[in-house]
Amino acid sequence: MAVTKVIKIDDKDVTFKASAATPRIYRNLFGRDIFKDLSKLEKDIDKSGEEDLDMFSLEMFENLAFVFARQGEPEKTPHTPDEWLDQFSTFSIYEILPELISLWGMNIQQQVESKKNFQRVIEK
């Protein structure tokens, strides 16, 4: 089951969604592994604190946010990260990224619970 979260960006409520399809969508769009990119982003933010992230990390954040938003509201979300970002003024990665990481964590937790429940059914 997918997990959704509404986050206010630039005075707009944006619905973000994470599901089992998220890694595949991310990989198909950007040719990258979402697990590795999220891990790197977390490390980069811990290391840099409130200082600027490098351009690569910033682009990863933008791509992650776009995929979660596209899943959350496909009919309202443009087809490219550039078009999606263009609808906002500048916003802080340090405010939004922890929310997206939390969303992803809730999704992963649900997958772990589903596996446990599936194993119980198999054992019966």
N, C-alpha and C. Protein backbone atom coordinates (compact mmCIF):
# COMPACT_ATOMS: atom_id res chain seq x y z
N MET A 1 0.84 -1.18 0.00
CA MET A 1 0.00 0.00 0.00
C MET A 1 0.89 1.24 0.00
N ALA A 2 0.55 2.21 -0.79
CA ALA A 2 1.33 3.43 -0.92
C ALA A 2 1.11 4.35 0.28
N VAL A 3 2.07 5.23 0.49
CA VAL A 3 2.01 6.21 1.56
C VAL A 3 2.01 7.60 0.93
N THR A 4 1.14 8.47 1.41
CA THR A 4 1.11 9.84 0.89
C THR A 4 1.33 10.84 2.01
N LYS A 5 1.80 12.01 1.61
CA LYS A 5 2.05 13.08 2.57
C LYS A 5 1.88 14.40 1.83
N VAL A 6 1.16 15.34 2.45
CA VAL A 6 0.98 16.66 1.87
C VAL A 6 1.98 17.60 2.52
N ILE A 7 2.75 18.28 1.69
CA ILE A 7 3.77 19.21 2.17
C ILE A 7 3.52 20.55 1.50
N LYS A 8 3.56 21.60 2.29
CA LYS A 8 3.35 22.94 1.75
C LYS A 8 4.67 23.47 1.18
N ILE A 9 4.62 23.82 -0.11
CA ILE A 9 5.77 24.43 -0.78
C ILE A 9 5.28 25.70 -1.43
N ASP A 10 5.90 26.80 -1.07
CA ASP A 10 5.56 28.08 -1.69
C ASP A 10 4.06 28.36 -1.59
N ASP A 11 3.49 28.12 -0.40
CA ASP A 11 2.07 28.31 -0.11
C ASP A 11 1.14 27.42 -0.94
N LYS A 12 1.65 26.33 -1.49
CA LYS A 12 0.84 25.37 -2.23
C LYS A 12 0.94 24.02 -1.53
N ASP A 13 -0.19 23.36 -1.37
CA ASP A 13 -0.17 22.00 -0.84
C ASP A 13 0.19 21.04 -1.97
N VAL A 14 1.27 20.30 -1.77
CA VAL A 14 1.74 19.34 -2.76
C VAL A 14 1.64 17.95 -2.15
N THR A 15 0.96 17.06 -2.86
CA THR A 15 0.82 15.69 -2.39
C THR A 15 1.96 14.85 -2.95
N PHE A 16 2.70 14.24 -2.05
CA PHE A 16 3.80 13.35 -2.42
C PHE A 16 3.37 11.92 -2.08
N LYS A 17 3.82 10.98 -2.88
CA LYS A 17 3.45 9.58 -2.68
C LYS A 17 4.67 8.69 -2.89
N ALA A 18 4.80 7.69 -2.04
CA ALA A 18 5.84 6.67 -2.20
C ALA A 18 5.16 5.31 -2.20
N SER A 19 5.63 4.44 -3.07
CA SER A 19 5.07 3.10 -3.17
C SER A 19 6.16 2.14 -3.63
N ALA A 20 5.78 0.90 -3.82
CA ALA A 20 6.72 -0.09 -4.32
C ALA A 20 7.19 0.25 -5.73
N ALA A 21 6.40 1.03 -6.46
CA ALA A 21 6.76 1.42 -7.83
C ALA A 21 7.79 2.55 -7.86
N THR A 22 7.97 3.26 -6.77
CA THR A 22 8.85 4.43 -6.76
C THR A 22 10.27 4.12 -7.24
N PRO A 23 10.93 3.08 -6.74
CA PRO A 23 12.30 2.81 -7.22
C PRO A 23 12.36 2.56 -8.72
N ARG A 24 11.37 1.88 -9.23
CA ARG A 24 11.33 1.58 -10.67
C ARG A 24 11.11 2.85 -11.49
N ILE A 25 10.17 3.67 -11.06
CA ILE A 25 9.90 4.94 -11.76
C ILE A 25 11.15 5.81 -11.76
N TYR A 26 11.79 5.92 -10.60
CA TYR A 26 12.99 6.72 -10.47
C TYR A 26 14.10 6.19 -11.39
N ARG A 27 14.29 4.88 -11.38
CA ARG A 27 15.32 4.26 -12.22
C ARG A 27 15.02 4.47 -13.71
N ASN A 28 13.75 4.33 -14.10
CA ASN A 28 13.38 4.52 -15.51
C ASN A 28 13.56 5.96 -15.97
N LEU A 29 13.25 6.91 -15.09
CA LEU A 29 13.37 8.32 -15.47
C LEU A 29 14.81 8.82 -15.47
N PHE A 30 15.60 8.41 -14.46
CA PHE A 30 16.91 9.01 -14.26
C PHE A 30 18.08 8.03 -14.37
N GLY A 31 17.78 6.73 -14.52
CA GLY A 31 18.84 5.75 -14.66
C GLY A 31 19.69 5.59 -13.41
N ARG A 32 19.10 5.85 -12.25
CA ARG A 32 19.83 5.80 -10.99
C ARG A 32 19.05 4.98 -9.96
N ASP A 33 19.74 4.57 -8.91
CA ASP A 33 19.16 3.79 -7.83
C ASP A 33 18.69 4.73 -6.72
N ILE A 34 17.40 4.73 -6.43
CA ILE A 34 16.84 5.64 -5.43
C ILE A 34 17.41 5.37 -4.04
N PHE A 35 17.70 4.12 -3.73
CA PHE A 35 18.22 3.78 -2.40
C PHE A 35 19.60 4.40 -2.19
N LYS A 36 20.45 4.27 -3.19
CA LYS A 36 21.79 4.85 -3.10
C LYS A 36 21.72 6.38 -3.06
N ASP A 37 20.85 6.96 -3.88
CA ASP A 37 20.75 8.42 -3.92
C ASP A 37 20.22 9.00 -2.62
N LEU A 38 19.21 8.36 -2.04
CA LEU A 38 18.70 8.84 -0.75
C LEU A 38 19.76 8.72 0.34
N SER A 39 20.48 7.63 0.34
CA SER A 39 21.55 7.43 1.32
C SER A 39 22.62 8.51 1.17
N LYS A 40 23.02 8.79 -0.07
CA LYS A 40 24.03 9.82 -0.31
C LYS A 40 23.51 11.20 0.11
N LEU A 41 22.27 11.49 -0.20
CA LEU A 41 21.69 12.78 0.18
C LEU A 41 21.69 12.97 1.69
N GLU A 42 21.28 11.94 2.41
CA GLU A 42 21.27 12.01 3.87
C GLU A 42 22.68 12.28 4.41
N LYS A 43 23.67 11.57 3.88
CA LYS A 43 25.05 11.78 4.31
C LYS A 43 25.54 13.18 3.98
N ASP A 44 25.22 13.65 2.78
CA ASP A 44 25.65 14.99 2.35
C ASP A 44 25.05 16.08 3.23
N ILE A 45 23.79 15.91 3.60
CA ILE A 45 23.15 16.91 4.45
C ILE A 45 23.73 16.87 5.85
N ASP A 46 23.97 15.66 6.37
CA ASP A 46 24.59 15.55 7.70
C ASP A 46 25.98 16.19 7.69
N LYS A 47 26.70 16.01 6.60
CA LYS A 47 28.07 16.53 6.49
C LYS A 47 28.09 18.04 6.29
N SER A 48 27.18 18.55 5.45
CA SER A 48 27.22 19.97 5.11
C SER A 48 26.45 20.84 6.09
N GLY A 49 25.55 20.24 6.86
CA GLY A 49 24.73 21.03 7.77
C GLY A 49 23.87 22.00 6.98
N GLU A 50 23.92 23.26 7.34
CA GLU A 50 23.13 24.28 6.66
C GLU A 50 23.91 24.93 5.52
N GLU A 51 25.07 24.41 5.21
CA GLU A 51 25.84 24.95 4.08
C GLU A 51 25.23 24.44 2.78
N ASP A 52 25.66 25.01 1.69
CA ASP A 52 25.15 24.62 0.39
C ASP A 52 25.58 23.21 0.03
N LEU A 53 24.65 22.48 -0.57
CA LEU A 53 24.96 21.16 -1.12
C LEU A 53 25.59 21.34 -2.49
N ASP A 54 26.34 20.33 -2.92
CA ASP A 54 26.89 20.41 -4.27
C ASP A 54 25.76 20.26 -5.29
N MET A 55 26.04 20.59 -6.53
CA MET A 55 25.02 20.58 -7.58
C MET A 55 24.44 19.18 -7.81
N PHE A 56 25.29 18.17 -7.69
CA PHE A 56 24.83 16.79 -7.89
C PHE A 56 23.78 16.41 -6.84
N SER A 57 24.04 16.75 -5.59
CA SER A 57 23.10 16.43 -4.52
C SER A 57 21.81 17.21 -4.67
N LEU A 58 21.92 18.45 -5.07
CA LEU A 58 20.74 19.28 -5.28
C LEU A 58 19.87 18.69 -6.40
N GLU A 59 20.50 18.25 -7.46
CA GLU A 59 19.74 17.65 -8.57
C GLU A 59 19.07 16.35 -8.13
N MET A 60 19.75 15.55 -7.31
CA MET A 60 19.14 14.32 -6.79
C MET A 60 17.89 14.65 -5.99
N PHE A 61 17.99 15.66 -5.12
CA PHE A 61 16.83 16.08 -4.34
C PHE A 61 15.68 16.48 -5.25
N GLU A 62 15.97 17.30 -6.25
CA GLU A 62 14.92 17.76 -7.16
C GLU A 62 14.27 16.58 -7.89
N ASN A 63 15.07 15.62 -8.31
CA ASN A 63 14.54 14.45 -9.00
C ASN A 63 13.67 13.59 -8.08
N LEU A 64 14.12 13.40 -6.84
CA LEU A 64 13.34 12.64 -5.87
C LEU A 64 12.01 13.32 -5.59
N ALA A 65 12.06 14.61 -5.35
CA ALA A 65 10.84 15.36 -5.06
C ALA A 65 9.87 15.26 -6.24
N PHE A 66 10.39 15.37 -7.45
CA PHE A 66 9.56 15.29 -8.65
C PHE A 66 8.87 13.93 -8.74
N VAL A 67 9.61 12.85 -8.54
CA VAL A 67 9.02 11.51 -8.64
C VAL A 67 7.93 11.32 -7.59
N PHE A 68 8.20 11.72 -6.35
CA PHE A 68 7.18 11.60 -5.31
C PHE A 68 5.95 12.45 -5.64
N ALA A 69 6.15 13.65 -6.15
CA ALA A 69 5.02 14.52 -6.51
C ALA A 69 4.25 13.96 -7.70
N ARG A 70 4.97 13.44 -8.67
CA ARG A 70 4.32 12.88 -9.87
C ARG A 70 3.45 11.69 -9.49
N GLN A 71 3.93 10.89 -8.54
CA GLN A 71 3.12 9.77 -8.07
C GLN A 71 1.92 10.26 -7.25
N GLY A 72 2.13 11.33 -6.50
CA GLY A 72 1.07 11.84 -5.62
C GLY A 72 -0.08 12.47 -6.37
N GLU A 73 0.23 13.24 -7.40
CA GLU A 73 -0.80 13.91 -8.18
C GLU A 73 -0.42 13.93 -9.66
N PRO A 74 -0.51 12.79 -10.32
CA PRO A 74 -0.05 12.72 -11.71
C PRO A 74 -0.76 13.70 -12.64
N GLU A 75 -2.04 13.95 -12.38
CA GLU A 75 -2.80 14.84 -13.25
C GLU A 75 -2.42 16.31 -13.07
N LYS A 76 -1.85 16.66 -11.93
CA LYS A 76 -1.48 18.05 -11.65
C LYS A 76 0.01 18.32 -11.83
N THR A 77 0.79 17.27 -12.02
CA THR A 77 2.25 17.42 -12.06
C THR A 77 2.74 17.39 -13.51
N PRO A 78 3.50 18.41 -13.90
CA PRO A 78 4.07 18.42 -15.26
C PRO A 78 4.93 17.18 -15.50
N HIS A 79 5.34 16.99 -16.75
CA HIS A 79 6.03 15.76 -17.14
C HIS A 79 7.54 15.78 -16.93
N THR A 80 8.11 16.91 -16.57
CA THR A 80 9.56 16.96 -16.34
C THR A 80 9.84 17.67 -15.02
N PRO A 81 10.99 17.36 -14.41
CA PRO A 81 11.36 18.06 -13.17
C PRO A 81 11.47 19.57 -13.38
N ASP A 82 11.99 19.98 -14.52
CA ASP A 82 12.14 21.43 -14.78
C ASP A 82 10.79 22.13 -14.79
N GLU A 83 9.82 21.53 -15.48
CA GLU A 83 8.48 22.13 -15.53
C GLU A 83 7.84 22.14 -14.14
N TRP A 84 8.06 21.06 -13.39
CA TRP A 84 7.48 20.99 -12.05
C TRP A 84 8.08 22.06 -11.14
N LEU A 85 9.41 22.18 -11.16
CA LEU A 85 10.08 23.16 -10.31
C LEU A 85 9.72 24.59 -10.70
N ASP A 86 9.43 24.81 -11.96
CA ASP A 86 9.13 26.14 -12.47
C ASP A 86 7.87 26.75 -11.86
N GLN A 87 7.02 25.94 -11.25
CA GLN A 87 5.79 26.47 -10.66
C GLN A 87 6.00 27.02 -9.25
N PHE A 88 7.22 26.92 -8.73
CA PHE A 88 7.52 27.40 -7.38
C PHE A 88 8.56 28.51 -7.40
N SER A 89 8.54 29.32 -6.34
CA SER A 89 9.66 30.20 -6.08
C SER A 89 10.76 29.32 -5.47
N THR A 90 11.87 29.89 -5.13
CA THR A 90 12.92 29.12 -4.48
C THR A 90 12.42 28.63 -3.13
N PHE A 91 12.71 27.36 -2.81
CA PHE A 91 12.35 26.82 -1.50
C PHE A 91 13.53 26.07 -0.93
N SER A 92 13.51 25.88 0.39
CA SER A 92 14.64 25.30 1.09
C SER A 92 14.61 23.77 1.03
N ILE A 93 15.68 23.22 0.53
CA ILE A 93 15.85 21.77 0.54
C ILE A 93 15.87 21.25 1.98
N TYR A 94 16.39 22.05 2.90
CA TYR A 94 16.54 21.62 4.29
C TYR A 94 15.19 21.50 5.00
N GLU A 95 14.15 22.13 4.46
CA GLU A 95 12.81 21.99 5.03
C GLU A 95 12.05 20.83 4.40
N ILE A 96 12.25 20.62 3.11
CA ILE A 96 11.48 19.63 2.37
C ILE A 96 12.09 18.23 2.43
N LEU A 97 13.40 18.12 2.30
CA LEU A 97 14.04 16.80 2.25
C LEU A 97 13.73 15.93 3.46
N PRO A 98 13.80 16.44 4.69
CA PRO A 98 13.46 15.57 5.83
C PRO A 98 12.04 15.01 5.74
N GLU A 99 11.12 15.79 5.20
CA GLU A 99 9.75 15.33 5.03
C GLU A 99 9.68 14.19 4.00
N LEU A 100 10.45 14.32 2.92
CA LEU A 100 10.47 13.29 1.89
C LEU A 100 11.15 12.02 2.39
N ILE A 101 12.20 12.18 3.17
CA ILE A 101 12.87 11.02 3.76
C ILE A 101 11.93 10.30 4.72
N SER A 102 11.17 11.07 5.47
CA SER A 102 10.18 10.49 6.38
C SER A 102 9.12 9.71 5.59
N LEU A 103 8.66 10.29 4.49
CA LEU A 103 7.68 9.61 3.63
C LEU A 103 8.24 8.29 3.13
N TRP A 104 9.48 8.31 2.66
CA TRP A 104 10.12 7.09 2.15
C TRP A 104 10.27 6.06 3.28
N GLY A 105 10.64 6.52 4.46
CA GLY A 105 10.78 5.62 5.61
C GLY A 105 9.47 4.95 5.97
N MET A 106 8.35 5.70 5.91
CA MET A 106 7.04 5.10 6.19
C MET A 106 6.71 4.04 5.14
N ASN A 107 7.07 4.29 3.89
CA ASN A 107 6.83 3.33 2.82
C ASN A 107 7.63 2.05 3.04
N ILE A 108 8.89 2.20 3.39
CA ILE A 108 9.75 1.04 3.64
C ILE A 108 9.21 0.24 4.83
N GLN A 109 8.78 0.92 5.88
CA GLN A 109 8.25 0.25 7.06
C GLN A 109 7.02 -0.58 6.70
N GLN A 110 6.16 -0.03 5.85
CA GLN A 110 4.98 -0.78 5.43
C GLN A 110 5.36 -2.03 4.66
N GLN A 111 6.41 -1.95 3.85
CA GLN A 111 6.85 -3.12 3.10
C GLN A 111 7.37 -4.20 4.03
N VAL A 112 8.09 -3.81 5.07
CA VAL A 112 8.61 -4.77 6.04
C VAL A 112 7.45 -5.44 6.75
N GLU A 113 6.43 -4.68 7.17
CA GLU A 113 5.26 -5.25 7.84
C GLU A 113 4.52 -6.20 6.91
N SER A 114 4.39 -5.85 5.64
CA SER A 114 3.70 -6.72 4.68
C SER A 114 4.42 -8.05 4.54
N LYS A 115 5.76 -8.02 4.49
CA LYS A 115 6.53 -9.26 4.38
C LYS A 115 6.31 -10.14 5.60
N LYS A 116 6.27 -9.52 6.79
CA LYS A 116 6.04 -10.29 8.02
C LYS A 116 4.67 -10.95 7.98
N ASN A 117 3.66 -10.20 7.57
CA ASN A 117 2.30 -10.76 7.50
C ASN A 117 2.21 -11.85 6.45
N PHE A 118 2.88 -11.69 5.33
CA PHE A 118 2.89 -12.70 4.27
C PHE A 118 3.54 -13.98 4.78
N GLN A 119 4.63 -13.83 5.52
CA GLN A 119 5.31 -15.00 6.07
C GLN A 119 4.39 -15.74 7.03
N ARG A 120 3.60 -15.04 7.83
CA ARG A 120 2.67 -15.69 8.76
C ARG A 120 1.63 -16.50 7.99
N VAL A 121 1.13 -15.96 6.88
CA VAL A 121 0.14 -16.65 6.08
C VAL A 121 0.73 -17.92 5.47
N ILE A 122 1.95 -17.85 4.98
CA ILE A 122 2.62 -19.00 4.38
C ILE A 122 2.82 -20.11 5.41
N GLU A 123 3.15 -19.74 6.64
CA GLU A 123 3.45 -20.71 7.68
C GLU A 123 2.22 -21.46 8.16
N LYS A 124 1.02 -20.95 7.88
CA LYS A 124 -0.21 -21.61 8.36
C LYS A 124 -0.50 -22.86 7.63
